[in-house]
Amino acid sequence: MFFQLGLRPETLDWISSELGKGIEDRRRRGIDATKTLDRYSRLTVAALVNAGTQTTRDNSFWPIFWEQLGMSESSDLAAHIRRNLHTWMKRLHLDVFDGVNLGSSKYVTQVTLHAGIPTSEMGQLVADSKSLLAVDDDPADGDREGKLLVNKYISEKSPRTLFRLSSLKPELASFLFARTVEYVYYSQIKDDWYTDKNFEGTNGLPAKTFAELRQFLAQQDATVVSRANRARTDAQQQPHLKLDPDAGKILLVLPAVPDEDEDLVWSVDAGFDNFHIEPSIDLYTGCFARKEISISSPTPEISVTDSLSQETTTLPLMAADFPVAFFQADFQYCPNQQELSRNSLFALAPANTEFSDESGQRDDLVAEELQFSSWYDWRVYHLVGLRDCGGLKVSVSDGPNRETRSTSRNVRASGSRDPEWNLDVSKVDEALGSDMGPVYRESPLLKLPHNQHACWAMRISYCPVGGEKSFIEEREDLEEYAGEEIVVFHDEYEDAWVGRYCVEILKDGLICEKQFFNMAEGLRLKMNYQQSVPFRTPDINVAANRYNKAYYEASYTPGKVINIPFTGVKAVGDTEETASFKISSAEGYELDLQVVPKTMRFSIDRTDVPHTWSTFPSAVPMRSLADSGQVKVRFPSRIDGNVTLFVVDGRSKSKAVSLPMQARRNRRLFTVPVHELKQAFGTEVSSFVLAVVWYPLSVQQMWDSEKKLFRGGSRAKKQTSAFLEFKEKYDANALSANLKRSSLFQVSDSPYTGRAVIDGTTIDLLDPVSGRETLRGYVWPLTQANVKPITVCFDSKQKARLPEEFQDAGPLVVEITKEISAYRVQPPKAPSDSALVVAQDGFYANGENDENLLGLSFKLSSLGGATIAQPREQLELWERLSPLCDLSLESPDARTISRQVRGLCERSFVVDPRSSLEALGRSNVRVEHQVGLAIQFGLFSCTFENHADTLDEFHPVPWVGVLGEINDVATIASTVGFSRREGEFAQSADFIESAGGPALISILGGACHTDQEFASKIVEDVALSIVHEDFAATIEGLSDINARRLLTDEVALRHGWAELLRNRSRIDLIPNLRDLKNRALHLSANIGSPELSSYVSSLRSFAEDYGDARTGLWPWAPFISAVMAHSVRSYAHGVAGAHEKFTNPTPWELRPWASLARMCPTLITNDLLREEARQLLEKVGSLPLPQLLPEKLS
């Protein structure tokens, strides 16, 4: 039997995944995939058995099989498997049960039997085992119970697989059941049974069965909840990707999920960024609210795990050698990136991407190119006319004279292979469903492809958000309508189609398409804006800023009755963005509707928060403006006239500059670069106001509507003169009767940089405030600054009432901003470097009665004394430290509190540095900030040994895993009895190479691997860009556009320098960076390794030639990074330098280094990991690594 081979679950999962990748790869290259199955028949059988283990119900085997392979369902491959399974199993000497009637699904039954005990029947076996143990006089011996269970399942003929296993293989089944009973008993009598290191082996069970039995026993209660939740997931949308081309960002959409009285956490792995999302409850729907998260950097795929069901959804974004992602006209990710079936698409690609037809003759496929501000040097291309060209050729190169990573791919543009939806039908204007999808008043249409051998069907189910899925109808034999458009929601019922519906398209019984639709058949929603502009805008008068009111009226088509909860006209309030109501059909099907009036939206790119659209004037800190970003105004409809951005000096209202806005997206989107705002008045302006003015019509359209018709030649001259005069006024925005206006943003510096104290129940500002500004403060407890701040308002005496929960709550952090009437202010997510630290006795108690959190608040306060943070508290500790990174230490209070916090960290980390490191990796601190956080609070002054068993360790993020595994291989190699731990050693070395890169393995094997020769080529390119003062092409060439870099390979080194160049102006502003440079110069003389010293000297030469007076301090960053990494890791491991011992870096050295790490995380991580490997090599000597290493490196 196959399960007797003893393969582990993760091995079988890996086999399934790799087999799926191989099949897809051969398909892309036009190779017959069935030959792959024949050639790798052992792997195919293993993947089939793996699916059989997970089978939970009838007809679930094949969907699970395709899901585990990570590929779409294929009836052709399924048929090939059925035809050849008998031959493959005989070849492997597996029992094929000849002469046994296995029923109509004999192929599925065969592989399910070879799986042993399916996951779905494990619960029954455990329950029966416990029942027998309750009356067993010798529970440690399960042989008798094993025979009883065989007889039970034979007599009851249930569960299906246990029955067949018992009847066809009674001796084997009795042995398996007996060993299961014994282990169930062991789990009942031993409190620490799951982690007991004295228990060895698998108690005679196959490895896969044993692992799944342990998993079931450990999570039995959770499994029940997961199943209950999973039964409803079909009614909900899955996480998916969406493009916002106007904002310039990719959105990960996390759907609404029913509230089951448990907390929901979405765990997101976005390649180089891991984080957790805890959505709030939507009180209107009773569900966890739908969330949209911006993806911050390119990545091949994104994995999302739902904590309630523990289901993981993997969303591919771009292939390794093809850094382009295609999106449909509705901005949804194209499900098939190789065969495009739309005439018009959006492509997200690097800035130097070229598109043409497959012959290379047509280069007019790009209708428009849009800046993609979320990813540096990426663009959104609007492609049109794809069907006419028969195919699409895409070319990507890495910059001038670099063709090494260039790639081209022909993409079919034929729509004849997949079902096509026609969604261009009548919708309910200005309305959305509660899932934020459009509402259709007419049925969408579906066209099925011609396929002589396919059988098509369509299944419709009612799926309210947060509710149960209920079947409505299924229509079969649709192949006779192939090539014709089919009405999805037909008109055969008396009642109107009302509700949210799931439509599944089945090909040969397998689901190949699934779509959700909000239907309100025949519903009309009439909007009235009561102004000349047919959409909402804020008024230009800031003192009375409100939206213009919008009124709506709902009705339905005669004969299709819809229950509407109001009659007549209703208004959307002048401060409200939307209104909601529920409609229903006569049969009780309901749909939640959101009335969303057409509204002008605007944004300004910032460095402190992701891009968001505003609909109301907002206040923005000057320091947060992104120099490479844009001011954007998006109109709901086309604007044919001029659109102008007015920039008004905040101190002198008479001083204003007008900036013409560039039209995009069929004149619906208008933009101005942020750097032009700053150039408008120069650096002396501390605040300015932004407003937009526009003409709805072009100058010719306005002239045609207003001119008087003249006749005759002389009058024609007068007409021309009049038009020129009219155009002059038009261009000067002097036709006020036709001009529309709206305020957008107020941008200003921090209005207060003085001192603050707490006096009883008030916060007092001690220094005078310039002007007559009214101030607002955002207040956090310093010991828990990762919570939302509380807003306070300062009166004319510069006093603000201290919130009751912050009284006697320990030190506070206060961010001061202007109180700007009628402007909305987005509360900061974390304190900035201008925030004030205010001392106070006590500690913050958050009222949640959580001992751990209260204890941590106490320890971080001045009352904490010489306490330490326990290991269970350290994940929360990191999340509390993260918002404190940018706090200024100028004031005495700030310095005192900083010493207290740093002291707690030093005392806590030294107890178990490895545990502290792993807690940081598991925390919700963004990955690109983790290394900087670890540097700033002294974690790298510790070592990271782990003397426990390291087999099958969980790695929360790659850099943490690699740093830990480097220490593990060193520890194992220096341990007596190394031969007994060779498996651990090999597993650790493999992870280091696969995630860290071969350079780390080379260093651990005894080589000094600095990549100096490769780095010198990068330095030459950077030096040339400095000379020519043109960095764009160099950054483009160095960036990892394929998002496939390891932590320390050559691609990572190139990308680290790209980060350096992108952030060079910000690096020059890091406080105390010059002092850190001087310290690094001193430390570099103490480097003992000749190879490393040579590498550092080359970096120093580059910085001396091009740094300081010529360009600033940023060219010194690689030198500083390499020297500081060597210094701090030498100190931690106690390795002496060439002349003296290295000392522990001071906080004043760590802060600028940490700031540098947040701007160049790839560069600093590369140096730290390489240096860790060098220090361990120095400490324990070269390691017994695989002999095939030179071949891999070459």
Foldseek 3Di string as FASTA:
>chain_A
DQLQVQDALVVLLVLLQVLLVVLVVCVQVVHDSLVVCVVPVVSVLSLLLSLLQADADPPCSQVSSCVSNVHFHDPVNVVSCVVCVVVSCVVVVHDLPPPDPPDPPSVSLRSNLSNPHHLNCLVVLLVLLVVVVVPDPCQQFQLVVLLVQLVVCCVVCPDPNLNCCSVVPVVVSSQQSSLLSNVSVVPVPDVPSLPDPVDDDQSPGRNHVSVSSSVCVVCVVLQVQLVVQVQFCVLWDCWFWFDDQQLQFIKTKHFWGACPVDWKKKWKDQQQWTFIDGADADVVQNTRAIDIDTRQEDGQWMWIAIVSNRDIDIGGAADLLGLKWKAAPRRGGDPDRQAAADQKIKMKAAQPKFKDAPVRPDRPQFPDWGDRVSYPRIIITIGHRQVVRQWMWMWDALFPPGRPSIDIGIGGHHNQPAKDKAPPAAFAPQKAFSRRHTERQFFIKIAAHQDPPKWKKKWKWARARNDHTGGDDMGTRCNVRHPHIDGPDDDPDQAFDAGKMWMFMDIPNHTDDIDIHGYDHFKYKDKDQPDPDQFWAWAAPLQPTWIRKMKIAMDGDPRHDKAFPDHDIDIQDRHHQWDWDKIAMPVGHITIMIRGTFAKWKWFDFQQDRTDIDRFEAEDEQVGGDQAIKIKIFGPDAAAWWKWKKKAQPVDRVDIDIDTWDADDNRGMTIDGPNVNCVSVHDPGFKIWIKMKIFSHYLVVVCVVDPDDDDDDVVVVVSVVVSVVSVVCRVVVNPVVRMGMHTHYMYGHQQDQAAWEDDQFKIAGDDDTPDQFWKKKWKDFLLAQQDGTDIWTADPRRITGHPPQCAQAFKMKIRMDTDRRRHHYDGRSADAQSIYIYGHHHHGDPPPPDVLSRLSRCQLGPNNPQDERDLVNLLVNLSSLVRVLRHHCPDPNSVVSVVSNLSRLVSHCQVAVLSNLQSLLQHSDISLQSVLSCLLSPSLLAAHADPDQPPPDDRSRLLSLLSNLLNVLLVLQPDPPSVVCVVVNVVSVVSNCQAAHLQLLVLLQPDQDPCLVVVVVLLVVVVVCLVVVHCVSQLSSLDSSSSPDHLADSNLQSNLVSLLVVCVVVLLVQPCVVVLLVVLVVQLVFAADPVLNVSLVVLVVSCVVCEDPNRGRSSCLLSSLLSVLLLSNCSNLVNGTNPGHRDRDDSSNSSSNSVSSSSRVSSNSNNNSSNSSNSSCVVRNRGPDDPCSVVVVD
